[in-house]
mmCIF file of all heavy atoms, coordinates in Angstrom:
data_MODEL
# 
_entry.id   MODEL 
# 
loop_
_atom_site.group_PDB 
_atom_site.id 
_atom_site.type_symbol 
_atom_site.label_atom_id 
_atom_site.label_alt_id 
_atom_site.label_comp_id 
_atom_site.label_asym_id 
_atom_site.label_entity_id 
_atom_site.label_seq_id 
_atom_site.pdbx_PDB_ins_code 
_atom_site.Cartn_x 
_atom_site.Cartn_y 
_atom_site.Cartn_z 
_atom_site.occupancy 
_atom_site.B_iso_or_equiv 
_atom_site.pdbx_formal_charge 
_atom_site.auth_seq_id 
_atom_site.auth_comp_id 
_atom_site.auth_asym_id 
_atom_site.auth_atom_id 
_atom_site.pdbx_PDB_model_num 
ATOM 1   N N   . ARG A 1 1  ? 17.608 -25.612 56.462 1.00 0.00 ? 1  ARG A N   1 
ATOM 2   C CA  . ARG A 1 1  ? 17.945 -26.757 55.502 1.00 0.00 ? 1  ARG A CA  1 
ATOM 3   C C   . ARG A 1 1  ? 16.764 -27.220 54.808 1.00 0.00 ? 1  ARG A C   1 
ATOM 4   O O   . ARG A 1 1  ? 16.488 -28.402 54.665 1.00 0.00 ? 1  ARG A O   1 
ATOM 5   C CB  . ARG A 1 1  ? 18.655 -27.864 56.273 1.00 0.00 ? 1  ARG A CB  1 
ATOM 6   C CG  . ARG A 1 1  ? 19.862 -27.461 57.020 1.00 0.00 ? 1  ARG A CG  1 
ATOM 7   C CD  . ARG A 1 1  ? 20.565 -28.608 57.755 1.00 0.00 ? 1  ARG A CD  1 
ATOM 8   N NE  . ARG A 1 1  ? 21.324 -29.327 56.751 1.00 0.00 ? 1  ARG A NE  1 
ATOM 9   C CZ  . ARG A 1 1  ? 22.093 -30.446 56.999 1.00 0.00 ? 1  ARG A CZ  1 
ATOM 10  N NH1 . ARG A 1 1  ? 22.133 -30.770 58.213 1.00 0.00 ? 1  ARG A NH1 1 
ATOM 11  N NH2 . ARG A 1 1  ? 22.778 -30.974 56.123 1.00 0.00 ? 1  ARG A NH2 1 
ATOM 12  N N   . THR A 1 2  ? 15.980 -26.266 54.283 1.00 0.00 ? 2  THR A N   1 
ATOM 13  C CA  . THR A 1 2  ? 14.718 -26.565 53.595 1.00 0.00 ? 2  THR A CA  1 
ATOM 14  C C   . THR A 1 2  ? 15.025 -27.554 52.359 1.00 0.00 ? 2  THR A C   1 
ATOM 15  O O   . THR A 1 2  ? 14.323 -28.588 52.257 1.00 0.00 ? 2  THR A O   1 
ATOM 16  C CB  . THR A 1 2  ? 13.947 -25.343 53.129 1.00 0.00 ? 2  THR A CB  1 
ATOM 17  O OG1 . THR A 1 2  ? 13.752 -24.528 54.252 1.00 0.00 ? 2  THR A OG1 1 
ATOM 18  C CG2 . THR A 1 2  ? 12.641 -25.698 52.417 1.00 0.00 ? 2  THR A CG2 1 
ATOM 19  N N   . GLY A 1 3  ? 15.868 -27.174 51.510 1.00 0.00 ? 3  GLY A N   1 
ATOM 20  C CA  . GLY A 1 3  ? 16.164 -28.037 50.327 1.00 0.00 ? 3  GLY A CA  1 
ATOM 21  C C   . GLY A 1 3  ? 16.678 -29.447 50.821 1.00 0.00 ? 3  GLY A C   1 
ATOM 22  O O   . GLY A 1 3  ? 16.280 -30.400 50.179 1.00 0.00 ? 3  GLY A O   1 
ATOM 23  N N   . PHE A 1 4  ? 17.556 -29.467 51.841 1.00 0.00 ? 4  PHE A N   1 
ATOM 24  C CA  . PHE A 1 4  ? 18.050 -30.741 52.194 1.00 0.00 ? 4  PHE A CA  1 
ATOM 25  C C   . PHE A 1 4  ? 16.906 -31.661 52.788 1.00 0.00 ? 4  PHE A C   1 
ATOM 26  O O   . PHE A 1 4  ? 16.899 -32.824 52.406 1.00 0.00 ? 4  PHE A O   1 
ATOM 27  C CB  . PHE A 1 4  ? 19.080 -30.539 53.326 1.00 0.00 ? 4  PHE A CB  1 
ATOM 28  C CG  . PHE A 1 4  ? 19.601 -31.801 54.006 1.00 0.00 ? 4  PHE A CG  1 
ATOM 29  C CD1 . PHE A 1 4  ? 20.578 -32.529 53.350 1.00 0.00 ? 4  PHE A CD1 1 
ATOM 30  C CD2 . PHE A 1 4  ? 19.150 -32.245 55.213 1.00 0.00 ? 4  PHE A CD2 1 
ATOM 31  C CE1 . PHE A 1 4  ? 21.086 -33.711 53.867 1.00 0.00 ? 4  PHE A CE1 1 
ATOM 32  C CE2 . PHE A 1 4  ? 19.562 -33.411 55.790 1.00 0.00 ? 4  PHE A CE2 1 
ATOM 33  C CZ  . PHE A 1 4  ? 20.568 -34.150 55.076 1.00 0.00 ? 4  PHE A CZ  1 
ATOM 34  N N   . ARG A 1 5  ? 15.936 -31.079 53.422 1.00 0.00 ? 5  ARG A N   1 
ATOM 35  C CA  . ARG A 1 5  ? 14.833 -31.867 53.982 1.00 0.00 ? 5  ARG A CA  1 
ATOM 36  C C   . ARG A 1 5  ? 13.919 -32.438 52.823 1.00 0.00 ? 5  ARG A C   1 
ATOM 37  O O   . ARG A 1 5  ? 13.474 -33.541 52.874 1.00 0.00 ? 5  ARG A O   1 
ATOM 38  C CB  . ARG A 1 5  ? 13.926 -31.099 54.949 1.00 0.00 ? 5  ARG A CB  1 
ATOM 39  C CG  . ARG A 1 5  ? 14.697 -30.790 56.289 1.00 0.00 ? 5  ARG A CG  1 
ATOM 40  C CD  . ARG A 1 5  ? 13.823 -30.120 57.294 1.00 0.00 ? 5  ARG A CD  1 
ATOM 41  N NE  . ARG A 1 5  ? 13.599 -28.757 56.926 1.00 0.00 ? 5  ARG A NE  1 
ATOM 42  C CZ  . ARG A 1 5  ? 12.419 -28.145 56.921 1.00 0.00 ? 5  ARG A CZ  1 
ATOM 43  N NH1 . ARG A 1 5  ? 11.296 -28.860 57.359 1.00 0.00 ? 5  ARG A NH1 1 
ATOM 44  N NH2 . ARG A 1 5  ? 12.267 -26.906 56.649 1.00 0.00 ? 5  ARG A NH2 1 
ATOM 45  N N   . ILE A 1 6  ? 13.817 -31.654 51.786 1.00 0.00 ? 6  ILE A N   1 
ATOM 46  C CA  . ILE A 1 6  ? 13.087 -32.117 50.599 1.00 0.00 ? 6  ILE A CA  1 
ATOM 47  C C   . ILE A 1 6  ? 13.848 -33.212 49.919 1.00 0.00 ? 6  ILE A C   1 
ATOM 48  O O   . ILE A 1 6  ? 13.298 -34.231 49.436 1.00 0.00 ? 6  ILE A O   1 
ATOM 49  C CB  . ILE A 1 6  ? 12.772 -30.890 49.666 1.00 0.00 ? 6  ILE A CB  1 
ATOM 50  C CG1 . ILE A 1 6  ? 11.765 -29.992 50.402 1.00 0.00 ? 6  ILE A CG1 1 
ATOM 51  C CG2 . ILE A 1 6  ? 12.082 -31.441 48.391 1.00 0.00 ? 6  ILE A CG2 1 
ATOM 52  C CD1 . ILE A 1 6  ? 11.629 -28.656 49.716 1.00 0.00 ? 6  ILE A CD1 1 
ATOM 53  N N   . PHE A 1 7  ? 15.132 -33.023 49.826 1.00 0.00 ? 7  PHE A N   1 
ATOM 54  C CA  . PHE A 1 7  ? 16.039 -34.104 49.209 1.00 0.00 ? 7  PHE A CA  1 
ATOM 55  C C   . PHE A 1 7  ? 15.831 -35.383 49.930 1.00 0.00 ? 7  PHE A C   1 
ATOM 56  O O   . PHE A 1 7  ? 15.642 -36.549 49.364 1.00 0.00 ? 7  PHE A O   1 
ATOM 57  C CB  . PHE A 1 7  ? 17.463 -33.542 49.206 1.00 0.00 ? 7  PHE A CB  1 
ATOM 58  C CG  . PHE A 1 7  ? 18.442 -34.682 49.291 1.00 0.00 ? 7  PHE A CG  1 
ATOM 59  C CD1 . PHE A 1 7  ? 18.678 -35.618 48.291 1.00 0.00 ? 7  PHE A CD1 1 
ATOM 60  C CD2 . PHE A 1 7  ? 19.281 -34.682 50.465 1.00 0.00 ? 7  PHE A CD2 1 
ATOM 61  C CE1 . PHE A 1 7  ? 19.600 -36.525 48.396 1.00 0.00 ? 7  PHE A CE1 1 
ATOM 62  C CE2 . PHE A 1 7  ? 20.309 -35.792 50.473 1.00 0.00 ? 7  PHE A CE2 1 
ATOM 63  C CZ  . PHE A 1 7  ? 20.456 -36.636 49.473 1.00 0.00 ? 7  PHE A CZ  1 
ATOM 64  N N   . ARG A 1 8  ? 15.874 -35.321 51.301 1.00 0.00 ? 8  ARG A N   1 
ATOM 65  C CA  . ARG A 1 8  ? 15.686 -36.503 52.021 1.00 0.00 ? 8  ARG A CA  1 
ATOM 66  C C   . ARG A 1 8  ? 14.376 -37.189 51.860 1.00 0.00 ? 8  ARG A C   1 
ATOM 67  O O   . ARG A 1 8  ? 14.122 -38.342 51.767 1.00 0.00 ? 8  ARG A O   1 
ATOM 68  C CB  . ARG A 1 8  ? 15.929 -36.235 53.496 1.00 0.00 ? 8  ARG A CB  1 
ATOM 69  C CG  . ARG A 1 8  ? 17.246 -35.858 53.974 1.00 0.00 ? 8  ARG A CG  1 
ATOM 70  C CD  . ARG A 1 8  ? 18.332 -36.859 53.638 1.00 0.00 ? 8  ARG A CD  1 
ATOM 71  N NE  . ARG A 1 8  ? 18.001 -38.160 54.120 1.00 0.00 ? 8  ARG A NE  1 
ATOM 72  C CZ  . ARG A 1 8  ? 18.862 -39.140 54.006 1.00 0.00 ? 8  ARG A CZ  1 
ATOM 73  N NH1 . ARG A 1 8  ? 20.022 -39.063 53.329 1.00 0.00 ? 8  ARG A NH1 1 
ATOM 74  N NH2 . ARG A 1 8  ? 18.524 -40.439 54.391 1.00 0.00 ? 8  ARG A NH2 1 
ATOM 75  N N   . GLU A 1 9  ? 13.320 -36.384 51.725 1.00 0.00 ? 9  GLU A N   1 
ATOM 76  C CA  . GLU A 1 9  ? 11.920 -36.869 51.536 1.00 0.00 ? 9  GLU A CA  1 
ATOM 77  C C   . GLU A 1 9  ? 11.805 -37.601 50.142 1.00 0.00 ? 9  GLU A C   1 
ATOM 78  O O   . GLU A 1 9  ? 11.129 -38.605 50.030 1.00 0.00 ? 9  GLU A O   1 
ATOM 79  C CB  . GLU A 1 9  ? 10.914 -35.769 51.666 1.00 0.00 ? 9  GLU A CB  1 
ATOM 80  C CG  . GLU A 1 9  ? 9.439  -36.188 51.550 1.00 0.00 ? 9  GLU A CG  1 
ATOM 81  C CD  . GLU A 1 9  ? 8.994  -37.138 52.560 1.00 0.00 ? 9  GLU A CD  1 
ATOM 82  O OE1 . GLU A 1 9  ? 9.524  -37.099 53.774 1.00 0.00 ? 9  GLU A OE1 1 
ATOM 83  O OE2 . GLU A 1 9  ? 8.151  -38.082 52.272 1.00 0.00 ? 9  GLU A OE2 1 
ATOM 84  N N   . ALA A 1 10 ? 12.528 -36.929 49.192 1.00 0.00 ? 10 ALA A N   1 
ATOM 85  C CA  . ALA A 1 10 ? 12.426 -37.507 47.784 1.00 0.00 ? 10 ALA A CA  1 
ATOM 86  C C   . ALA A 1 10 ? 13.163 -38.858 47.746 1.00 0.00 ? 10 ALA A C   1 
ATOM 87  O O   . ALA A 1 10 ? 12.742 -39.762 47.021 1.00 0.00 ? 10 ALA A O   1 
ATOM 88  C CB  . ALA A 1 10 ? 13.043 -36.534 46.775 1.00 0.00 ? 10 ALA A CB  1 
ATOM 89  N N   . LEU A 1 11 ? 14.204 -38.916 48.511 1.00 0.00 ? 11 LEU A N   1 
ATOM 90  C CA  . LEU A 1 11 ? 15.011 -40.194 48.609 1.00 0.00 ? 11 LEU A CA  1 
ATOM 91  C C   . LEU A 1 11 ? 14.091 -41.368 49.120 1.00 0.00 ? 11 LEU A C   1 
ATOM 92  O O   . LEU A 1 11 ? 14.107 -42.459 48.669 1.00 0.00 ? 11 LEU A O   1 
ATOM 93  C CB  . LEU A 1 11 ? 16.155 -39.973 49.525 1.00 0.00 ? 11 LEU A CB  1 
ATOM 94  C CG  . LEU A 1 11 ? 17.395 -40.857 49.178 1.00 0.00 ? 11 LEU A CG  1 
ATOM 95  C CD1 . LEU A 1 11 ? 17.861 -40.702 47.871 1.00 0.00 ? 11 LEU A CD1 1 
ATOM 96  C CD2 . LEU A 1 11 ? 18.529 -40.441 50.178 1.00 0.00 ? 11 LEU A CD2 1 
ATOM 97  N N   . LYS A 1 12 ? 13.293 -41.106 50.107 1.00 0.00 ? 12 LYS A N   1 
ATOM 98  C CA  . LYS A 1 12 ? 12.322 -42.032 50.573 1.00 0.00 ? 12 LYS A CA  1 
ATOM 99  C C   . LYS A 1 12 ? 11.377 -42.552 49.501 1.00 0.00 ? 12 LYS A C   1 
ATOM 100 O O   . LYS A 1 12 ? 10.949 -43.705 49.516 1.00 0.00 ? 12 LYS A O   1 
ATOM 101 C CB  . LYS A 1 12 ? 11.509 -41.560 51.737 1.00 0.00 ? 12 LYS A CB  1 
ATOM 102 C CG  . LYS A 1 12 ? 12.246 -41.141 52.997 1.00 0.00 ? 12 LYS A CG  1 
ATOM 103 C CD  . LYS A 1 12 ? 11.177 -40.423 53.942 1.00 0.00 ? 12 LYS A CD  1 
ATOM 104 C CE  . LYS A 1 12 ? 11.980 -39.863 55.188 1.00 0.00 ? 12 LYS A CE  1 
ATOM 105 N NZ  . LYS A 1 12 ? 11.005 -39.197 56.126 1.00 0.00 ? 12 LYS A NZ  1 
ATOM 106 N N   . ARG A 1 13 ? 11.128 -41.710 48.563 1.00 0.00 ? 13 ARG A N   1 
ATOM 107 C CA  . ARG A 1 13 ? 10.212 -42.017 47.498 1.00 0.00 ? 13 ARG A CA  1 
ATOM 108 C C   . ARG A 1 13 ? 10.818 -42.525 46.215 1.00 0.00 ? 13 ARG A C   1 
ATOM 109 O O   . ARG A 1 13 ? 10.162 -42.624 45.178 1.00 0.00 ? 13 ARG A O   1 
ATOM 110 C CB  . ARG A 1 13 ? 9.310  -40.731 47.174 1.00 0.00 ? 13 ARG A CB  1 
ATOM 111 C CG  . ARG A 1 13 ? 8.577  -40.263 48.324 1.00 0.00 ? 13 ARG A CG  1 
ATOM 112 C CD  . ARG A 1 13 ? 8.010  -38.780 48.084 1.00 0.00 ? 13 ARG A CD  1 
ATOM 113 N NE  . ARG A 1 13 ? 7.409  -38.281 49.328 1.00 0.00 ? 13 ARG A NE  1 
ATOM 114 C CZ  . ARG A 1 13 ? 6.107  -38.147 49.463 1.00 0.00 ? 13 ARG A CZ  1 
ATOM 115 N NH1 . ARG A 1 13 ? 5.263  -38.565 48.488 1.00 0.00 ? 13 ARG A NH1 1 
ATOM 116 N NH2 . ARG A 1 13 ? 5.502  -37.694 50.579 1.00 0.00 ? 13 ARG A NH2 1 
ATOM 117 N N   . GLY A 1 14 ? 12.168 -42.757 46.393 1.00 0.00 ? 14 GLY A N   1 
ATOM 118 C CA  . GLY A 1 14 ? 12.853 -43.417 45.246 1.00 0.00 ? 14 GLY A CA  1 
ATOM 119 C C   . GLY A 1 14 ? 13.397 -42.490 44.187 1.00 0.00 ? 14 GLY A C   1 
ATOM 120 O O   . GLY A 1 14 ? 13.618 -42.860 43.045 1.00 0.00 ? 14 GLY A O   1 
ATOM 121 N N   . VAL A 1 15 ? 13.775 -41.225 44.584 1.00 0.00 ? 15 VAL A N   1 
ATOM 122 C CA  . VAL A 1 15 ? 14.319 -40.286 43.666 1.00 0.00 ? 15 VAL A CA  1 
ATOM 123 C C   . VAL A 1 15 ? 15.582 -39.679 44.319 1.00 0.00 ? 15 VAL A C   1 
ATOM 124 O O   . VAL A 1 15 ? 15.425 -39.118 45.513 1.00 0.00 ? 15 VAL A O   1 
ATOM 125 C CB  . VAL A 1 15 ? 13.380 -39.169 43.254 1.00 0.00 ? 15 VAL A CB  1 
ATOM 126 C CG1 . VAL A 1 15 ? 14.116 -38.082 42.513 1.00 0.00 ? 15 VAL A CG1 1 
ATOM 127 C CG2 . VAL A 1 15 ? 12.304 -39.727 42.327 1.00 0.00 ? 15 VAL A CG2 1 
ATOM 128 N N   . LEU A 1 16 ? 16.728 -39.788 43.686 1.00 0.00 ? 16 LEU A N   1 
ATOM 129 C CA  . LEU A 1 16 ? 17.941 -39.089 44.124 1.00 0.00 ? 16 LEU A CA  1 
ATOM 130 C C   . LEU A 1 16 ? 18.043 -37.643 43.514 1.00 0.00 ? 16 LEU A C   1 
ATOM 131 O O   . LEU A 1 16 ? 18.262 -37.482 42.351 1.00 0.00 ? 16 LEU A O   1 
ATOM 132 C CB  . LEU A 1 16 ? 19.200 -39.859 43.689 1.00 0.00 ? 16 LEU A CB  1 
ATOM 133 C CG  . LEU A 1 16 ? 20.538 -39.272 43.983 1.00 0.00 ? 16 LEU A CG  1 
ATOM 134 C CD1 . LEU A 1 16 ? 20.703 -39.116 45.535 1.00 0.00 ? 16 LEU A CD1 1 
ATOM 135 C CD2 . LEU A 1 16 ? 21.659 -40.132 43.480 1.00 0.00 ? 16 LEU A CD2 1 
ATOM 136 N N   . LEU A 1 17 ? 17.532 -36.753 44.430 1.00 0.00 ? 17 LEU A N   1 
ATOM 137 C CA  . LEU A 1 17 ? 17.368 -35.324 43.963 1.00 0.00 ? 17 LEU A CA  1 
ATOM 138 C C   . LEU A 1 17 ? 18.175 -34.490 44.874 1.00 0.00 ? 17 LEU A C   1 
ATOM 139 O O   . LEU A 1 17 ? 17.663 -33.697 45.691 1.00 0.00 ? 17 LEU A O   1 
ATOM 140 C CB  . LEU A 1 17 ? 15.860 -35.005 44.068 1.00 0.00 ? 17 LEU A CB  1 
ATOM 141 C CG  . LEU A 1 17 ? 15.434 -33.602 43.588 1.00 0.00 ? 17 LEU A CG  1 
ATOM 142 C CD1 . LEU A 1 17 ? 15.312 -33.645 42.077 1.00 0.00 ? 17 LEU A CD1 1 
ATOM 143 C CD2 . LEU A 1 17 ? 13.957 -33.357 44.171 1.00 0.00 ? 17 LEU A CD2 1 
ATOM 144 N N   . ARG A 1 18 ? 19.452 -34.490 44.710 1.00 0.00 ? 18 ARG A N   1 
ATOM 145 C CA  . ARG A 1 18 ? 20.347 -33.650 45.583 1.00 0.00 ? 18 ARG A CA  1 
ATOM 146 C C   . ARG A 1 18 ? 20.136 -32.182 45.308 1.00 0.00 ? 18 ARG A C   1 
ATOM 147 O O   . ARG A 1 18 ? 20.200 -31.666 44.186 1.00 0.00 ? 18 ARG A O   1 
ATOM 148 C CB  . ARG A 1 18 ? 21.819 -34.036 45.390 1.00 0.00 ? 18 ARG A CB  1 
ATOM 149 C CG  . ARG A 1 18 ? 22.783 -33.376 46.391 1.00 0.00 ? 18 ARG A CG  1 
ATOM 150 C CD  . ARG A 1 18 ? 24.200 -33.795 46.141 1.00 0.00 ? 18 ARG A CD  1 
ATOM 151 N NE  . ARG A 1 18 ? 25.097 -33.129 46.994 1.00 0.00 ? 18 ARG A NE  1 
ATOM 152 C CZ  . ARG A 1 18 ? 25.448 -33.494 48.211 1.00 0.00 ? 18 ARG A CZ  1 
ATOM 153 N NH1 . ARG A 1 18 ? 25.018 -34.615 48.669 1.00 0.00 ? 18 ARG A NH1 1 
ATOM 154 N NH2 . ARG A 1 18 ? 26.372 -32.865 48.908 1.00 0.00 ? 18 ARG A NH2 1 
ATOM 155 N N   . ASN A 1 19 ? 19.839 -31.430 46.443 1.00 0.00 ? 19 ASN A N   1 
ATOM 156 C CA  . ASN A 1 19 ? 19.591 -30.016 46.351 1.00 0.00 ? 19 ASN A CA  1 
ATOM 157 C C   . ASN A 1 19 ? 20.870 -29.224 46.248 1.00 0.00 ? 19 ASN A C   1 
ATOM 158 O O   . ASN A 1 19 ? 21.920 -29.600 46.718 1.00 0.00 ? 19 ASN A O   1 
ATOM 159 C CB  . ASN A 1 19 ? 18.756 -29.596 47.574 1.00 0.00 ? 19 ASN A CB  1 
ATOM 160 C CG  . ASN A 1 19 ? 19.534 -29.784 48.817 1.00 0.00 ? 19 ASN A CG  1 
ATOM 161 O OD1 . ASN A 1 19 ? 19.876 -30.960 49.127 1.00 0.00 ? 19 ASN A OD1 1 
ATOM 162 N ND2 . ASN A 1 19 ? 19.803 -28.812 49.637 1.00 0.00 ? 19 ASN A ND2 1 
ATOM 163 N N   . LEU A 1 20 ? 20.807 -28.007 45.770 1.00 0.00 ? 20 LEU A N   1 
ATOM 164 C CA  . LEU A 1 20 ? 21.744 -26.943 45.860 1.00 0.00 ? 20 LEU A CA  1 
ATOM 165 C C   . LEU A 1 20 ? 21.166 -25.833 46.802 1.00 0.00 ? 20 LEU A C   1 
ATOM 166 O O   . LEU A 1 20 ? 20.397 -24.973 46.356 1.00 0.00 ? 20 LEU A O   1 
ATOM 167 C CB  . LEU A 1 20 ? 22.036 -26.344 44.497 1.00 0.00 ? 20 LEU A CB  1 
ATOM 168 C CG  . LEU A 1 20 ? 22.870 -27.242 43.609 1.00 0.00 ? 20 LEU A CG  1 
ATOM 169 C CD1 . LEU A 1 20 ? 22.798 -26.714 42.109 1.00 0.00 ? 20 LEU A CD1 1 
ATOM 170 C CD2 . LEU A 1 20 ? 24.323 -27.414 44.004 1.00 0.00 ? 20 LEU A CD2 1 
ATOM 171 N N   . GLY A 1 21 ? 21.472 -25.966 48.090 1.00 0.00 ? 21 GLY A N   1 
ATOM 172 C CA  . GLY A 1 21 ? 20.854 -25.001 49.006 1.00 0.00 ? 21 GLY A CA  1 
ATOM 173 C C   . GLY A 1 21 ? 19.369 -25.256 48.979 1.00 0.00 ? 21 GLY A C   1 
ATOM 174 O O   . GLY A 1 21 ? 18.863 -26.390 49.157 1.00 0.00 ? 21 GLY A O   1 
ATOM 175 N N   . ASP A 1 22 ? 18.661 -24.137 48.663 1.00 0.00 ? 22 ASP A N   1 
ATOM 176 C CA  . ASP A 1 22 ? 17.153 -24.247 48.627 1.00 0.00 ? 22 ASP A CA  1 
ATOM 177 C C   . ASP A 1 22 ? 16.751 -24.160 47.097 1.00 0.00 ? 22 ASP A C   1 
ATOM 178 O O   . ASP A 1 22 ? 15.572 -23.808 46.762 1.00 0.00 ? 22 ASP A O   1 
ATOM 179 C CB  . ASP A 1 22 ? 16.543 -23.163 49.415 1.00 0.00 ? 22 ASP A CB  1 
ATOM 180 C CG  . ASP A 1 22 ? 16.680 -23.315 50.868 1.00 0.00 ? 22 ASP A CG  1 
ATOM 181 O OD1 . ASP A 1 22 ? 16.874 -24.489 51.336 1.00 0.00 ? 22 ASP A OD1 1 
ATOM 182 O OD2 . ASP A 1 22 ? 16.618 -22.365 51.667 1.00 0.00 ? 22 ASP A OD2 1 
ATOM 183 N N   . CYS A 1 23 ? 17.605 -24.706 46.277 1.00 0.00 ? 23 CYS A N   1 
ATOM 184 C CA  . CYS A 1 23 ? 17.180 -24.935 44.858 1.00 0.00 ? 23 CYS A CA  1 
ATOM 185 C C   . CYS A 1 23 ? 17.130 -26.420 44.605 1.00 0.00 ? 23 CYS A C   1 
ATOM 186 O O   . CYS A 1 23 ? 18.024 -27.190 44.918 1.00 0.00 ? 23 CYS A O   1 
ATOM 187 C CB  . CYS A 1 23 ? 18.244 -24.323 43.911 1.00 0.00 ? 23 CYS A CB  1 
ATOM 188 S SG  . CYS A 1 23 ? 18.249 -22.517 43.848 1.00 0.00 ? 23 CYS A SG  1 
ATOM 189 N N   . LEU A 1 24 ? 15.946 -26.834 44.089 1.00 0.00 ? 24 LEU A N   1 
ATOM 190 C CA  . LEU A 1 24 ? 15.769 -28.213 43.540 1.00 0.00 ? 24 LEU A CA  1 
ATOM 191 C C   . LEU A 1 24 ? 15.999 -28.225 42.134 1.00 0.00 ? 24 LEU A C   1 
ATOM 192 O O   . LEU A 1 24 ? 15.560 -27.334 41.473 1.00 0.00 ? 24 LEU A O   1 
ATOM 193 C CB  . LEU A 1 24 ? 14.330 -28.765 43.846 1.00 0.00 ? 24 LEU A CB  1 
ATOM 194 C CG  . LEU A 1 24 ? 13.855 -28.507 45.274 1.00 0.00 ? 24 LEU A CG  1 
ATOM 195 C CD1 . LEU A 1 24 ? 12.366 -28.958 45.396 1.00 0.00 ? 24 LEU A CD1 1 
ATOM 196 C CD2 . LEU A 1 24 ? 14.748 -29.251 46.381 1.00 0.00 ? 24 LEU A CD2 1 
ATOM 197 N N   . TYR A 1 25 ? 16.815 -29.175 41.549 1.00 0.00 ? 25 TYR A N   1 
ATOM 198 C CA  . TYR A 1 25 ? 17.003 -29.163 40.164 1.00 0.00 ? 25 TYR A CA  1 
ATOM 199 C C   . TYR A 1 25 ? 16.862 -30.537 39.597 1.00 0.00 ? 25 TYR A C   1 
ATOM 200 O O   . TYR A 1 25 ? 17.015 -31.504 40.228 1.00 0.00 ? 25 TYR A O   1 
ATOM 201 C CB  . TYR A 1 25 ? 18.318 -28.500 39.824 1.00 0.00 ? 25 TYR A CB  1 
ATOM 202 C CG  . TYR A 1 25 ? 19.531 -29.365 40.349 1.00 0.00 ? 25 TYR A CG  1 
ATOM 203 C CD1 . TYR A 1 25 ? 20.167 -30.109 39.432 1.00 0.00 ? 25 TYR A CD1 1 
ATOM 204 C CD2 . TYR A 1 25 ? 19.952 -29.236 41.611 1.00 0.00 ? 25 TYR A CD2 1 
ATOM 205 C CE1 . TYR A 1 25 ? 21.256 -30.893 39.763 1.00 0.00 ? 25 TYR A CE1 1 
ATOM 206 C CE2 . TYR A 1 25 ? 21.099 -29.966 41.997 1.00 0.00 ? 25 TYR A CE2 1 
ATOM 207 C CZ  . TYR A 1 25 ? 21.749 -30.806 41.065 1.00 0.00 ? 25 TYR A CZ  1 
ATOM 208 O OH  . TYR A 1 25 ? 22.810 -31.506 41.413 1.00 0.00 ? 25 TYR A OH  1 
ATOM 209 N N   . PHE A 1 26 ? 16.567 -30.511 38.315 1.00 0.00 ? 26 PHE A N   1 
ATOM 210 C CA  . PHE A 1 26 ? 16.416 -31.764 37.490 1.00 0.00 ? 26 PHE A CA  1 
ATOM 211 C C   . PHE A 1 26 ? 17.461 -31.725 36.356 1.00 0.00 ? 26 PHE A C   1 
ATOM 212 O O   . PHE A 1 26 ? 17.505 -30.822 35.514 1.00 0.00 ? 26 PHE A O   1 
ATOM 213 C CB  . PHE A 1 26 ? 15.058 -31.962 36.879 1.00 0.00 ? 26 PHE A CB  1 
ATOM 214 C CG  . PHE A 1 26 ? 13.972 -31.798 37.900 1.00 0.00 ? 26 PHE A CG  1 
ATOM 215 C CD1 . PHE A 1 26 ? 13.277 -30.498 38.088 1.00 0.00 ? 26 PHE A CD1 1 
ATOM 216 C CD2 . PHE A 1 26 ? 13.606 -32.810 38.819 1.00 0.00 ? 26 PHE A CD2 1 
ATOM 217 C CE1 . PHE A 1 26 ? 12.331 -30.379 39.035 1.00 0.00 ? 26 PHE A CE1 1 
ATOM 218 C CE2 . PHE A 1 26 ? 12.567 -32.646 39.733 1.00 0.00 ? 26 PHE A CE2 1 
ATOM 219 C CZ  . PHE A 1 26 ? 11.934 -31.421 39.808 1.00 0.00 ? 26 PHE A CZ  1 
ATOM 220 N N   . LEU A 1 27 ? 18.347 -32.717 36.404 1.00 0.00 ? 27 LEU A N   1 
ATOM 221 C CA  . LEU A 1 27 ? 19.422 -32.783 35.404 1.00 0.00 ? 27 LEU A CA  1 
ATOM 222 C C   . LEU A 1 27 ? 19.642 -34.265 35.081 1.00 0.00 ? 27 LEU A C   1 
ATOM 223 O O   . LEU A 1 27 ? 20.630 -34.856 35.428 1.00 0.00 ? 27 LEU A O   1 
ATOM 224 C CB  . LEU A 1 27 ? 20.676 -32.139 35.905 1.00 0.00 ? 27 LEU A CB  1 
ATOM 225 C CG  . LEU A 1 27 ? 21.781 -31.798 34.987 1.00 0.00 ? 27 LEU A CG  1 
ATOM 226 C CD1 . LEU A 1 27 ? 22.531 -30.537 35.521 1.00 0.00 ? 27 LEU A CD1 1 
ATOM 227 C CD2 . LEU A 1 27 ? 22.779 -32.908 34.795 1.00 0.00 ? 27 LEU A CD2 1 
ATOM 228 N N   . PRO A 1 28 ? 18.647 -34.880 34.517 1.00 0.00 ? 28 PRO A N   1 
ATOM 229 C CA  . PRO A 1 28 ? 18.605 -36.356 34.323 1.00 0.00 ? 28 PRO A CA  1 
ATOM 230 C C   . PRO A 1 28 ? 19.468 -36.822 33.184 1.00 0.00 ? 28 PRO A C   1 
ATOM 231 O O   . PRO A 1 28 ? 19.856 -36.080 32.301 1.00 0.00 ? 28 PRO A O   1 
ATOM 232 C CB  . PRO A 1 28 ? 17.137 -36.680 34.061 1.00 0.00 ? 28 PRO A CB  1 
ATOM 233 C CG  . PRO A 1 28 ? 16.663 -35.489 33.382 1.00 0.00 ? 28 PRO A CG  1 
ATOM 234 C CD  . PRO A 1 28 ? 17.349 -34.273 33.911 1.00 0.00 ? 28 PRO A CD  1 
ATOM 235 N N   . PRO A 1 29 ? 19.750 -38.139 33.124 1.00 0.00 ? 29 PRO A N   1 
ATOM 236 C CA  . PRO A 1 29 ? 20.383 -38.792 31.915 1.00 0.00 ? 29 PRO A CA  1 
ATOM 237 C C   . PRO A 1 29 ? 19.473 -38.506 30.746 1.00 0.00 ? 29 PRO A C   1 
ATOM 238 O O   . PRO A 1 29 ? 18.296 -38.514 30.836 1.00 0.00 ? 29 PRO A O   1 
ATOM 239 C CB  . PRO A 1 29 ? 20.533 -40.199 32.264 1.00 0.00 ? 29 PRO A CB  1 
ATOM 240 C CG  . PRO A 1 29 ? 20.499 -40.252 33.778 1.00 0.00 ? 29 PRO A CG  1 
ATOM 241 C CD  . PRO A 1 29 ? 19.549 -39.149 34.252 1.00 0.00 ? 29 PRO A CD  1 
# 
């Protein structure tokens, strides 16, 4: 769950960055 762990770490830092498996993606407003 590598991507999920990074998502949780980003959340601590104030960014909602939901992963797709082990893909991190940026799709902002």
